[in-house]
Amino acid sequence: MNWKRKAGAAFAGLALALGIAAVPAQAATATGTAFAPPDISLANIKAHLNQLQTIAQQNGGNRAAGGGYNASVSYVEQKLKAAGFTTTRQTCTSCAGQSQNLIAEWPKGDANQVLMLGAHLDSVSAGPGINDNGSGSASILETALTLAKTNPEMTKRVRFAWWADEESGLRGSRFYVNNLPSAERSKIKTYLNFDMIGSKNWGYFVYDDVASIKAVFDEYFASIGIQTEGDTEGDGRSDHASFKSAGIPVGGLATGAGDIKSSAQAQKWGGSAGQPFDNCYHRACDTTSNIPDTPLEKNSDAIGYAVWKLAVSATQKNDYSLSLSSASGTVQPGQSTQVTVNTAITSGSAQQVQLSASGLPTGATATFSPATISSGGTSTLTIAAGANTPTGTYPLTVSGHGPDADRTAQYSLTVGTSSARTFTNGTEYPINDLATVSSPITSTATDAAVSPVKVSVTGTHTCSEDLRISLTGPSGKSYPLKTESAGSCSPLGTRDFSVPVTSENASGTWTLVVYDAYYYDTGKLSSWSITV
């Protein structure tokens, strides 16, 4: 939250003038599935906050311009791009160090009806700014990722923004608004701002500039038995002021900054009367330990509720996705192999899904346990090869049949012989910054592994020098294949390794372990194979 205080102007009648309808008490349920906003994951938000704190620690203890701001932008942008957002960095020439605003838009819904959410991503130079304003930034990031994951039908276009240089006078958001052509300004029907929503001695404050927007948040909080108050401390002090001054209806949430909690507020919300809502406001102690779960979770769910209420269609088609735990497998004649069938609800409600498999070779059978599942559940597919099933590789199709949607997934089945020595895992795994990928292969080969074993790894990564790759044998021993290194970056592509092993059985589970040791470059492990 910015240190400046400005008087707020009355906003009476603006909602009606700019076409914001009053919020009904209940969502429409005429056909399909009723409005049902998802839970915004608290665990994921806290993971984002941990990353922002790490960035601050690596950049002089803050995320201000000249500190960790640029790295914060890179972290958020990376997450959005991986989820399918198209992102834009806008250089703010009036900001300190010409910092950049980050804008991301979900490409569904009416482009002439824009719901915009924003939070400033910079901190003051005194500390890491995890409540002010990592809390708002992480919460709208997770809301954006949830929107992409659930992919609902949209009535409005949703745009997200992470602002530069708020702490020096709202410069990033003011630059954005001032440089919007009038036709583009008129498309933004509502701007929602989130600045400090995880204060340790919290209150529940809702911006009261526009009654119809405030009513959306009040409706959510009333549903969980929480009373709110209008926000006066933050009036004119955060990025919504840039939009408000341009005639765009605004709303938002806050949990309090340096103001003192009254006795009446402590009675209403708990906490300590006579103390600031956030006694680490603009201080070095504004770290992850300064944020309790309760206000962060409830405010984040309120954000999700508002997005779904204002921009998502009230009725959704029931739909689901279907995937397999592995894209390929090997089975010997007379033996069987298993793969997990996963489903997830992508919109609407659950439906009963009947499972089947086609493309099986002669003498092979496929059974599901269970054969019918509710979308969102899993089943175990067992593929058994007969004693006389011909050897070879067969493309199978695993199908899900539901009353509202049918979905399929592909599986490559190799029927081998007792002398088969090469095995493949074709499951894709994302390779994220500072994260470890473990990809297993179960070998059915007999006798001892022939040293050196041959390993081939295929993937995409813009800086393979960031990667540490190793192989874990059935005995639990680890064998290094590649270490991380400094210097110029090269793509991963396909890499072949010859790995000396000692006292390893050919049969059992071999695991490829990939660790990304640095920030900024990510990719995926596409497949790998081992010859034992």
Protein backbone atom coordinates (compact mmCIF):
# COMPACT_ATOMS: atom_id res chain seq x y z
CA MET A 1 0.00 0.00 0.00
CA ASN A 2 1.27 3.40 -0.96
CA TRP A 3 2.27 5.94 1.70
CA LYS A 4 0.25 8.77 0.12
CA ARG A 5 -3.28 9.48 1.30
CA LYS A 6 -5.77 11.14 -1.00
CA ALA A 7 -9.37 12.07 -0.40
CA GLY A 8 -11.83 9.78 -2.21
CA ALA A 9 -14.56 11.28 -4.36
CA ALA A 10 -18.17 10.11 -4.25
CA PHE A 11 -19.01 7.44 -6.80
CA ALA A 12 -22.80 7.54 -6.59
CA GLY A 13 -24.64 6.41 -9.69
CA LEU A 14 -21.49 5.47 -11.61
CA ALA A 15 -22.29 1.77 -11.62
CA LEU A 16 -25.58 2.41 -13.37
CA ALA A 17 -23.98 4.86 -15.80
CA LEU A 18 -21.29 2.38 -16.86
CA GLY A 19 -23.59 -0.64 -17.10
CA ILE A 20 -22.87 -2.63 -13.93
CA ALA A 21 -26.05 -4.41 -12.95
CA ALA A 22 -27.08 -4.97 -9.36
CA VAL A 23 -25.97 -8.36 -8.00
CA PRO A 24 -28.83 -10.83 -7.49
CA ALA A 25 -28.98 -12.81 -4.29
CA GLN A 26 -28.82 -16.17 -6.11
CA ALA A 27 -27.17 -17.24 -9.35
CA ALA A 28 -29.28 -18.37 -12.30
CA THR A 29 -30.01 -22.10 -12.49
CA ALA A 30 -32.20 -22.33 -15.58
CA THR A 31 -30.21 -25.05 -17.38
CA GLY A 32 -26.96 -26.92 -16.91
CA THR A 33 -25.00 -26.57 -13.66
CA ALA A 34 -25.44 -23.61 -11.32
CA PHE A 35 -22.76 -21.03 -10.60
CA ALA A 36 -20.14 -22.74 -8.42
CA PRO A 37 -16.87 -20.88 -7.82
CA PRO A 38 -13.92 -23.15 -7.03
CA ASP A 39 -11.75 -23.09 -3.95
CA ILE A 40 -8.64 -20.95 -4.41
CA SER A 41 -5.84 -23.10 -2.99
CA LEU A 42 -4.33 -21.64 0.19
CA ALA A 43 -1.38 -24.05 -0.08
CA ASN A 44 -0.55 -22.78 -3.57
CA ILE A 45 -0.83 -19.14 -2.48
CA LYS A 46 1.57 -19.80 0.39
CA ALA A 47 3.98 -21.48 -2.05
CA HIS A 48 3.91 -18.29 -4.18
CA LEU A 49 4.60 -16.20 -1.06
CA ASN A 50 7.55 -18.41 -0.16
CA GLN A 51 8.99 -17.81 -3.62
CA LEU A 52 8.51 -14.05 -3.29
CA GLN A 53 10.30 -14.09 0.07
CA THR A 54 13.17 -16.12 -1.43
CA ILE A 55 13.44 -13.56 -4.22
CA ALA A 56 13.63 -10.76 -1.65
CA GLN A 57 16.34 -12.61 0.29
CA GLN A 58 18.37 -12.95 -2.90
CA ASN A 59 17.99 -9.25 -3.75
CA GLY A 60 19.00 -7.24 -0.71
CA GLY A 61 15.97 -8.13 1.41
CA ASN A 62 13.27 -6.44 -0.68
CA ARG A 63 11.31 -6.59 -3.92
CA ALA A 64 11.47 -2.90 -4.79
CA ALA A 65 12.72 -1.50 -8.08
CA GLY A 66 16.46 -2.16 -8.06
CA GLY A 67 15.83 -5.04 -5.64
CA GLY A 68 13.78 -8.13 -6.32
CA TYR A 69 11.00 -6.55 -8.39
CA ASN A 70 12.18 -7.80 -11.77
CA ALA A 71 12.66 -11.34 -10.45
CA SER A 72 9.15 -11.18 -8.97
CA VAL A 73 7.76 -10.27 -12.39
CA SER A 74 9.63 -13.18 -13.96
CA TYR A 75 8.27 -15.64 -11.40
CA VAL A 76 4.64 -14.55 -11.90
CA GLU A 77 4.99 -14.42 -15.68
CA GLN A 78 6.47 -17.92 -15.80
CA LYS A 79 3.49 -19.35 -13.91
CA LEU A 80 0.99 -17.57 -16.16
CA LYS A 81 2.65 -18.64 -19.40
CA ALA A 82 2.76 -22.27 -18.27
CA ALA A 83 -1.01 -22.06 -17.62
CA GLY A 84 -1.75 -20.76 -21.13
CA PHE A 85 -2.01 -17.00 -20.57
CA THR A 86 -0.66 -14.54 -23.08
CA THR A 87 1.34 -12.03 -21.06
CA THR A 88 2.54 -8.52 -21.81
CA ARG A 89 5.22 -6.52 -20.06
CA GLN A 90 4.59 -2.78 -20.23
CA THR A 91 7.63 -0.61 -19.51
CA CYS A 92 6.58 2.26 -17.25
CA THR A 93 8.81 5.15 -18.30
CA SER A 94 7.71 7.20 -15.28
CA CYS A 95 8.51 4.41 -12.80
CA ALA A 96 11.71 3.99 -10.82
CA GLY A 97 14.23 2.22 -13.03
CA GLN A 98 11.56 2.07 -15.77
CA SER A 99 10.05 -0.98 -14.08
CA GLN A 100 7.50 -3.05 -15.96
CA ASN A 101 3.82 -3.72 -15.36
CA LEU A 102 2.80 -7.30 -16.08
CA ILE A 103 -0.57 -7.82 -17.81
CA ALA A 104 -2.24 -11.19 -18.49
CA GLU A 105 -5.60 -11.80 -20.15
CA TRP A 106 -7.65 -14.99 -20.34
CA PRO A 107 -8.73 -15.30 -23.98
CA LYS A 108 -12.40 -16.16 -23.45
CA GLY A 109 -15.49 -14.05 -22.92
CA ASP A 110 -16.66 -10.78 -24.44
CA ALA A 111 -13.58 -8.64 -25.21
CA ASN A 112 -15.74 -5.51 -24.97
CA GLN A 113 -16.71 -6.37 -21.38
CA VAL A 114 -13.54 -6.58 -19.28
CA LEU A 115 -13.30 -7.45 -15.60
CA MET A 116 -9.82 -6.43 -14.44
CA LEU A 117 -8.03 -7.50 -11.25
CA GLY A 118 -4.82 -5.91 -10.02
CA ALA A 119 -2.29 -5.92 -7.21
CA HIS A 120 1.02 -4.11 -6.85
CA LEU A 121 4.01 -6.44 -6.99
CA ASP A 122 6.67 -4.11 -5.60
CA SER A 123 7.62 -3.78 -1.93
CA VAL A 124 9.15 -0.93 0.01
CA SER A 125 12.94 -1.04 0.28
CA ALA A 126 12.73 -1.74 4.04
CA GLY A 127 11.54 -5.32 3.71
CA PRO A 128 10.27 -8.19 1.52
CA GLY A 129 6.67 -6.95 1.48
CA ILE A 130 4.97 -10.31 1.88
CA ASN A 131 1.69 -8.87 3.16
CA ASP A 132 2.24 -5.54 1.38
CA ASN A 133 1.73 -6.69 -1.24
CA GLY A 134 2.78 -10.26 -1.84
CA SER A 135 -0.60 -11.28 -0.39
CA GLY A 136 -2.66 -9.57 -3.08
CA SER A 137 -0.22 -10.50 -5.84
CA ALA A 138 -0.09 -14.20 -4.90
CA SER A 139 -3.86 -14.43 -4.46
CA ILE A 140 -4.76 -13.02 -7.87
CA LEU A 141 -2.02 -15.19 -9.41
CA GLU A 142 -3.59 -18.32 -7.95
CA THR A 143 -7.05 -17.08 -9.02
CA ALA A 144 -5.73 -16.71 -12.58
CA LEU A 145 -4.19 -20.20 -12.50
CA THR A 146 -7.47 -21.63 -11.17
CA LEU A 147 -9.40 -19.93 -13.96
CA ALA A 148 -7.06 -21.49 -16.52
CA LYS A 149 -7.27 -24.92 -14.90
CA THR A 150 -11.07 -25.03 -14.67
CA ASN A 151 -11.58 -23.23 -18.02
CA PRO A 152 -15.25 -22.30 -17.52
CA GLU A 153 -17.55 -20.65 -20.02
CA MET A 154 -17.09 -16.88 -19.73
CA THR A 155 -19.48 -13.97 -20.17
CA LYS A 156 -16.76 -11.32 -19.75
CA ARG A 157 -13.05 -11.11 -20.52
CA VAL A 158 -10.87 -11.30 -17.39
CA ARG A 159 -7.60 -9.36 -17.27
CA PHE A 160 -5.00 -9.54 -14.48
CA ALA A 161 -2.32 -6.96 -13.70
CA TRP A 162 0.70 -6.80 -11.38
CA TRP A 163 1.72 -3.17 -10.92
CA ALA A 164 5.16 -1.60 -10.70
CA ASP A 165 6.16 1.23 -8.39
CA GLU A 166 2.96 1.55 -6.38
CA GLU A 167 4.98 2.37 -3.29
CA SER A 168 6.33 5.55 -4.91
CA GLY A 169 2.97 7.02 -5.82
CA LEU A 170 0.87 4.53 -7.83
CA ARG A 171 3.11 5.13 -10.82
CA GLY A 172 2.68 1.79 -12.59
CA SER A 173 -1.12 1.71 -12.59
CA ARG A 174 -1.35 5.44 -13.39
CA PHE A 175 0.95 4.94 -16.38
CA TYR A 176 -1.20 2.04 -17.61
CA VAL A 177 -4.49 3.94 -17.32
CA ASN A 178 -3.12 7.18 -18.80
CA ASN A 179 -1.80 5.32 -21.84
CA LEU A 180 -5.02 3.45 -22.58
CA PRO A 181 -6.92 4.77 -25.60
CA SER A 182 -10.40 5.94 -24.61
CA ALA A 183 -12.00 3.04 -26.49
CA GLU A 184 -9.95 0.56 -24.44
CA ARG A 185 -10.74 2.33 -21.18
CA SER A 186 -14.45 2.03 -21.91
CA LYS A 187 -14.13 -1.75 -22.22
CA ILE A 188 -13.02 -2.08 -18.56
CA LYS A 189 -16.35 -2.33 -16.78
CA THR A 190 -14.92 -3.11 -13.34
CA TYR A 191 -11.49 -2.90 -11.73
CA LEU A 192 -10.88 -4.88 -8.51
CA ASN A 193 -7.83 -4.12 -6.36
CA PHE A 194 -6.19 -6.30 -3.71
CA ASP A 195 -3.58 -4.65 -1.51
CA MET A 196 -2.77 -6.30 1.84
CA ILE A 197 -5.25 -9.13 2.42
CA GLY A 198 -3.28 -11.12 5.00
CA SER A 199 -2.71 -8.74 7.93
CA LYS A 200 -1.79 -10.44 11.19
CA ASN A 201 -4.34 -8.52 13.33
CA TRP A 202 -6.81 -8.55 10.48
CA GLY A 203 -10.13 -6.97 9.70
CA TYR A 204 -12.43 -7.59 6.74
CA PHE A 205 -12.65 -4.38 4.71
CA VAL A 206 -14.49 -4.05 1.40
CA TYR A 207 -14.06 -1.05 -0.87
CA ASP A 208 -17.35 0.86 -0.77
CA ASP A 209 -16.90 3.07 -3.84
CA VAL A 210 -19.60 1.23 -5.84
CA ALA A 211 -22.46 -0.41 -3.98
CA SER A 212 -23.14 -3.12 -6.57
CA ILE A 213 -19.50 -4.24 -6.55
CA LYS A 214 -19.30 -4.17 -2.76
CA ALA A 215 -22.45 -6.29 -2.68
CA VAL A 216 -20.66 -9.14 -4.48
CA PHE A 217 -18.02 -9.42 -1.77
CA ASP A 218 -20.53 -8.85 1.03
CA GLU A 219 -22.64 -11.67 -0.38
CA TYR A 220 -19.70 -14.05 -0.10
CA PHE A 221 -18.68 -12.99 3.40
CA ALA A 222 -22.29 -13.17 4.60
CA SER A 223 -22.42 -16.76 3.34
CA ILE A 224 -19.59 -17.68 5.75
CA GLY A 225 -20.91 -15.58 8.63
CA ILE A 226 -18.44 -12.67 8.48
CA GLN A 227 -19.41 -9.02 8.84
CA THR A 228 -17.46 -6.51 6.76
CA GLU A 229 -16.76 -2.79 6.95
CA GLY A 230 -16.11 -0.24 4.25
CA ASP A 231 -12.43 0.47 3.67
CA THR A 232 -11.40 4.00 4.63
CA GLU A 233 -7.70 3.54 5.41
CA GLY A 234 -6.88 2.52 1.85
CA ASP A 235 -9.13 5.02 0.06
CA GLY A 236 -7.03 6.69 -2.62
CA ARG A 237 -3.84 5.04 -1.42
CA SER A 238 -3.59 2.09 -3.78
CA ASP A 239 -3.85 1.35 -7.48
CA HIS A 240 -7.64 1.47 -7.70
CA ALA A 241 -7.30 5.27 -7.42
CA SER A 242 -5.75 5.35 -10.90
CA PHE A 243 -8.83 3.68 -12.35
CA LYS A 244 -11.30 5.57 -10.22
CA SER A 245 -9.91 8.91 -11.39
CA ALA A 246 -10.51 7.75 -14.99
CA GLY A 247 -14.19 7.02 -14.29
CA ILE A 248 -13.85 3.22 -14.10
CA PRO A 249 -15.92 1.53 -11.34
CA VAL A 250 -13.67 0.04 -8.67
CA GLY A 251 -13.87 -2.43 -5.82
CA GLY A 252 -11.55 -4.54 -3.72
CA LEU A 253 -10.55 -6.00 -0.38
CA ALA A 254 -8.09 -5.21 2.40
CA THR A 255 -7.34 -6.45 5.91
CA GLY A 256 -5.79 -3.25 7.29
CA ALA A 257 -2.37 -1.62 7.47
CA GLY A 258 -1.13 0.82 10.09
CA ASP A 259 -4.50 1.93 11.49
CA ILE A 260 -5.45 0.81 15.00
CA LYS A 261 -8.07 -1.88 15.57
CA SER A 262 -10.92 -0.63 17.75
CA SER A 263 -12.58 -2.53 20.57
CA ALA A 264 -15.72 -2.93 18.47
CA GLN A 265 -13.67 -4.38 15.60
CA ALA A 266 -11.85 -6.77 17.93
CA GLN A 267 -15.21 -7.94 19.26
CA LYS A 268 -16.43 -8.48 15.69
CA TRP A 269 -13.34 -10.14 14.19
CA GLY A 270 -11.13 -11.14 17.12
CA GLY A 271 -7.53 -10.02 17.48
CA SER A 272 -6.05 -7.24 19.62
CA ALA A 273 -7.79 -3.91 20.15
CA GLY A 274 -5.50 -0.91 20.41
CA GLN A 275 -2.92 -2.50 18.08
CA PRO A 276 -2.26 -1.90 14.35
CA PHE A 277 -3.88 -4.26 11.89
CA ASP A 278 -0.37 -4.98 10.64
CA ASN A 279 2.43 -3.98 13.01
CA CYS A 280 4.98 -5.00 10.35
CA TYR A 281 3.55 -2.59 7.77
CA HIS A 282 6.48 -1.24 5.68
CA ARG A 283 9.01 -2.96 7.95
CA ALA A 284 11.60 -5.72 7.58
CA CYS A 285 9.39 -8.09 9.58
CA ASP A 286 6.78 -8.20 6.78
CA THR A 287 7.71 -11.82 5.98
CA THR A 288 5.77 -15.06 5.52
CA SER A 289 5.60 -15.42 9.30
CA ASN A 290 3.64 -12.14 9.34
CA ILE A 291 0.66 -13.67 7.49
CA PRO A 292 -1.90 -15.97 9.18
CA ASP A 293 -3.86 -18.46 7.13
CA THR A 294 -7.37 -17.33 8.08
CA PRO A 295 -7.65 -13.91 6.37
CA LEU A 296 -5.53 -15.03 3.42
CA GLU A 297 -7.76 -18.02 2.72
CA LYS A 298 -11.10 -16.25 3.19
CA ASN A 299 -10.12 -13.20 1.13
CA SER A 300 -8.70 -15.36 -1.66
CA ASP A 301 -11.90 -17.37 -1.87
CA ALA A 302 -13.81 -14.09 -1.93
CA ILE A 303 -11.72 -13.04 -4.95
CA GLY A 304 -12.57 -16.29 -6.72
CA TYR A 305 -16.23 -15.81 -5.85
CA ALA A 306 -16.23 -12.31 -7.36
CA VAL A 307 -14.55 -13.43 -10.58
CA TRP A 308 -17.01 -16.28 -11.07
CA LYS A 309 -20.00 -14.10 -10.16
CA LEU A 310 -19.04 -11.19 -12.42
CA ALA A 311 -17.45 -12.94 -15.41
CA VAL A 312 -18.27 -16.64 -15.53
CA SER A 313 -21.45 -18.00 -17.10
CA ALA A 314 -24.05 -18.92 -14.50
CA THR A 315 -24.57 -22.26 -16.23
CA GLN A 316 -21.81 -24.61 -17.22
CA LYS A 317 -21.69 -27.72 -19.37
CA ASN A 318 -20.68 -30.77 -17.39
CA ASP A 319 -17.29 -31.86 -18.70
CA TYR A 320 -14.16 -33.72 -17.61
CA SER A 321 -10.66 -34.66 -18.74
CA LEU A 322 -9.25 -38.16 -19.02
CA SER A 323 -5.55 -39.03 -18.77
CA LEU A 324 -3.29 -41.98 -18.01
CA SER A 325 -0.49 -42.21 -15.45
CA SER A 326 1.79 -43.47 -18.23
CA ALA A 327 1.52 -43.10 -21.99
CA SER A 328 3.17 -46.47 -22.70
CA GLY A 329 4.05 -49.80 -21.16
CA THR A 330 5.58 -53.20 -21.87
CA VAL A 331 4.13 -56.60 -21.06
CA GLN A 332 5.45 -60.11 -21.66
CA PRO A 333 3.22 -62.84 -23.15
CA GLY A 334 1.27 -64.48 -20.36
CA GLN A 335 1.80 -61.51 -18.01
CA SER A 336 -0.01 -58.25 -17.22
CA THR A 337 0.71 -54.58 -16.66
CA GLN A 338 -1.28 -51.81 -15.00
CA VAL A 339 -1.88 -48.11 -15.63
CA THR A 340 -4.00 -45.63 -13.68
CA VAL A 341 -6.85 -43.86 -15.46
CA ASN A 342 -7.31 -40.34 -14.08
CA THR A 343 -10.30 -38.06 -14.59
CA ALA A 344 -10.85 -34.47 -13.46
CA ILE A 345 -13.92 -32.23 -13.64
CA THR A 346 -13.16 -29.35 -16.01
CA SER A 347 -16.55 -27.63 -15.79
CA GLY A 348 -19.93 -28.14 -14.22
CA SER A 349 -20.59 -31.12 -12.00
CA ALA A 350 -19.52 -34.76 -11.82
CA GLN A 351 -21.01 -37.37 -14.14
CA GLN A 352 -20.82 -41.17 -14.27
CA VAL A 353 -18.16 -42.32 -16.74
CA GLN A 354 -18.01 -45.84 -18.20
CA LEU A 355 -14.49 -46.94 -19.20
CA SER A 356 -13.42 -49.12 -22.11
CA ALA A 357 -10.30 -49.91 -24.16
CA SER A 358 -9.93 -50.70 -27.86
CA GLY A 359 -7.08 -51.70 -30.19
CA LEU A 360 -5.95 -54.70 -28.13
CA PRO A 361 -3.85 -57.37 -29.88
CA THR A 362 -5.10 -60.95 -30.26
CA GLY A 363 -5.35 -62.77 -26.95
CA ALA A 364 -4.99 -59.63 -24.78
CA THR A 365 -7.67 -58.37 -22.39
CA ALA A 366 -8.32 -55.07 -20.60
CA THR A 367 -10.20 -54.78 -17.31
CA PHE A 368 -10.98 -51.71 -15.24
CA SER A 369 -11.35 -51.57 -11.47
CA PRO A 370 -13.88 -50.03 -11.19
CA ALA A 371 -15.36 -50.05 -14.69
CA THR A 372 -17.60 -47.02 -13.97
CA ILE A 373 -16.38 -44.01 -12.00
CA SER A 374 -17.61 -40.55 -11.13
CA SER A 375 -15.62 -37.92 -13.04
CA GLY A 376 -12.92 -36.68 -10.72
CA GLY A 377 -12.13 -40.26 -9.69
CA THR A 378 -9.57 -42.87 -10.81
CA SER A 379 -9.60 -46.46 -12.01
CA THR A 380 -6.90 -49.10 -12.45
CA LEU A 381 -6.60 -50.54 -15.95
CA THR A 382 -5.04 -54.02 -16.09
CA ILE A 383 -3.86 -55.20 -19.51
CA ALA A 384 -3.12 -58.92 -19.69
CA ALA A 385 -1.34 -60.51 -22.65
CA GLY A 386 -2.18 -64.11 -23.54
CA ALA A 387 0.53 -66.75 -23.84
CA ASN A 388 0.17 -66.58 -27.63
CA THR A 389 -0.30 -62.81 -28.02
CA PRO A 390 1.97 -61.70 -30.90
CA THR A 391 4.91 -59.54 -29.96
CA GLY A 392 4.93 -55.95 -31.24
CA THR A 393 3.74 -52.47 -30.36
CA TYR A 394 0.02 -51.66 -30.41
CA PRO A 395 -1.73 -48.25 -30.12
CA LEU A 396 -4.62 -48.57 -27.67
CA THR A 397 -7.43 -46.10 -27.05
CA VAL A 398 -8.83 -45.76 -23.53
CA SER A 399 -12.30 -44.20 -23.66
CA GLY A 400 -14.60 -42.61 -21.13
CA HIS A 401 -18.32 -42.48 -21.95
CA GLY A 402 -20.45 -40.03 -19.96
CA PRO A 403 -24.00 -38.70 -20.43
CA ASP A 404 -22.64 -35.20 -21.17
CA ALA A 405 -19.21 -35.88 -22.72
CA ASP A 406 -16.97 -38.63 -24.11
CA ARG A 407 -13.20 -38.40 -23.70
CA THR A 408 -10.24 -40.55 -24.83
CA ALA A 409 -6.55 -41.07 -24.07
CA GLN A 410 -3.90 -42.96 -26.03
CA TYR A 411 -1.67 -45.76 -24.72
CA SER A 412 1.19 -47.53 -26.51
CA LEU A 413 1.39 -51.21 -25.51
CA THR A 414 4.50 -53.20 -26.33
CA VAL A 415 4.22 -56.95 -26.11
CA GLY A 416 7.77 -58.23 -25.78
CA THR A 417 9.56 -61.50 -25.19
CA SER A 418 11.56 -62.73 -22.25
CA SER A 419 14.65 -61.20 -23.85
CA ALA A 420 13.22 -57.64 -23.98
CA ARG A 421 15.80 -55.28 -22.48
CA THR A 422 14.64 -51.73 -23.46
CA PHE A 423 11.87 -49.94 -21.59
CA THR A 424 10.34 -46.49 -22.00
CA ASN A 425 8.36 -43.99 -19.90
CA GLY A 426 6.56 -41.58 -22.23
CA THR A 427 4.78 -39.55 -19.53
CA GLU A 428 5.47 -35.82 -19.73
CA TYR A 429 6.60 -34.05 -16.57
CA PRO A 430 6.99 -30.26 -16.18
CA ILE A 431 10.48 -29.17 -15.11
CA ASN A 432 10.00 -26.12 -12.86
CA ASP A 433 12.54 -23.88 -11.18
CA LEU A 434 14.18 -25.47 -8.12
CA ALA A 435 11.92 -28.52 -8.50
CA THR A 436 12.67 -32.25 -8.82
CA VAL A 437 11.10 -34.64 -11.34
CA SER A 438 11.16 -38.39 -10.68
CA SER A 439 10.12 -40.58 -13.63
CA PRO A 440 10.04 -44.36 -12.96
CA ILE A 441 10.33 -47.31 -15.33
CA THR A 442 9.58 -50.87 -14.23
CA SER A 443 11.81 -53.36 -15.99
CA THR A 444 10.68 -56.95 -16.46
CA ALA A 445 14.01 -58.07 -17.89
CA THR A 446 15.67 -61.01 -16.18
CA ASP A 447 19.14 -61.60 -14.70
CA ALA A 448 21.64 -58.86 -13.89
CA ALA A 449 21.72 -55.47 -15.58
CA VAL A 450 24.47 -55.33 -18.23
CA SER A 451 26.85 -52.49 -17.34
CA PRO A 452 26.96 -49.89 -18.68
CA VAL A 453 23.19 -49.46 -19.06
CA LYS A 454 22.07 -47.14 -21.86
CA VAL A 455 19.82 -44.18 -21.03
CA SER A 456 18.21 -41.81 -23.54
CA VAL A 457 16.48 -38.65 -22.29
CA THR A 458 14.24 -36.41 -24.43
CA GLY A 459 12.81 -33.10 -23.30
CA THR A 460 12.55 -29.36 -23.82
CA HIS A 461 14.39 -26.87 -21.65
CA THR A 462 15.78 -23.49 -22.69
CA CYS A 463 18.85 -23.85 -20.50
CA SER A 464 19.90 -27.48 -20.04
CA GLU A 465 22.93 -26.23 -18.09
CA ASP A 466 20.47 -25.67 -15.19
CA LEU A 467 19.72 -29.39 -14.96
CA ARG A 468 21.18 -32.08 -12.71
CA ILE A 469 20.22 -35.57 -13.98
CA SER A 470 20.77 -38.89 -12.23
CA LEU A 471 19.57 -42.49 -12.42
CA THR A 472 18.43 -44.51 -9.39
CA GLY A 473 18.68 -48.28 -9.77
CA PRO A 474 16.42 -50.98 -8.27
CA SER A 475 18.91 -51.29 -5.39
CA GLY A 476 18.42 -47.64 -4.47
CA LYS A 477 21.90 -46.60 -5.65
CA SER A 478 22.14 -43.28 -7.47
CA TYR A 479 24.28 -42.82 -10.60
CA PRO A 480 25.05 -39.30 -11.88
CA LEU A 481 24.35 -38.65 -15.57
CA LYS A 482 24.79 -34.87 -15.77
CA THR A 483 25.57 -32.03 -13.37
CA GLU A 484 24.41 -28.42 -13.57
CA SER A 485 26.91 -25.88 -14.89
CA ALA A 486 27.34 -22.17 -15.49
CA GLY A 487 27.84 -20.48 -18.86
CA SER A 488 25.72 -19.93 -21.94
CA CYS A 489 22.46 -21.85 -22.31
CA SER A 490 21.68 -24.66 -24.73
CA PRO A 491 18.42 -26.60 -25.26
CA LEU A 492 17.95 -30.05 -23.77
CA GLY A 493 16.74 -32.01 -26.84
CA THR A 494 17.71 -35.70 -26.74
CA ARG A 495 20.70 -36.79 -24.65
CA ASP A 496 22.16 -40.30 -24.59
CA PHE A 497 24.14 -41.60 -21.62
CA SER A 498 26.21 -44.72 -20.95
CA VAL A 499 25.96 -45.44 -17.23
CA PRO A 500 28.26 -47.86 -15.40
CA VAL A 501 26.29 -49.70 -12.71
CA THR A 502 27.33 -52.20 -10.06
CA SER A 503 25.42 -55.19 -8.67
CA GLU A 504 22.05 -54.14 -10.14
CA ASN A 505 19.30 -56.55 -11.14
CA ALA A 506 17.80 -55.82 -14.53
CA SER A 507 14.28 -56.24 -13.12
CA GLY A 508 12.68 -53.71 -10.84
CA THR A 509 12.14 -49.96 -10.84
CA TRP A 510 14.68 -47.61 -12.42
CA THR A 511 14.04 -43.92 -11.80
CA LEU A 512 15.30 -40.93 -13.75
CA VAL A 513 15.70 -37.91 -11.44
CA VAL A 514 15.89 -34.40 -12.96
CA TYR A 515 16.52 -31.34 -10.77
CA ASP A 516 16.38 -27.73 -12.04
CA ALA A 517 18.99 -25.90 -9.96
CA TYR A 518 18.31 -22.31 -11.10
CA TYR A 519 15.53 -19.76 -11.70
CA TYR A 520 14.03 -18.37 -14.92
CA ASP A 521 14.35 -21.28 -17.39
CA THR A 522 11.86 -24.15 -17.32
CA GLY A 523 10.78 -26.97 -19.60
CA LYS A 524 9.50 -30.52 -19.57
CA LEU A 525 10.73 -34.11 -19.60
CA SER A 526 9.00 -35.66 -22.64
CA SER A 527 10.20 -39.26 -22.36
CA TRP A 528 13.14 -41.45 -21.46
CA SER A 529 14.21 -45.02 -22.07
CA ILE A 530 16.68 -47.47 -20.54
CA THR A 531 18.37 -50.54 -21.96
CA VAL A 532 19.41 -52.89 -19.17
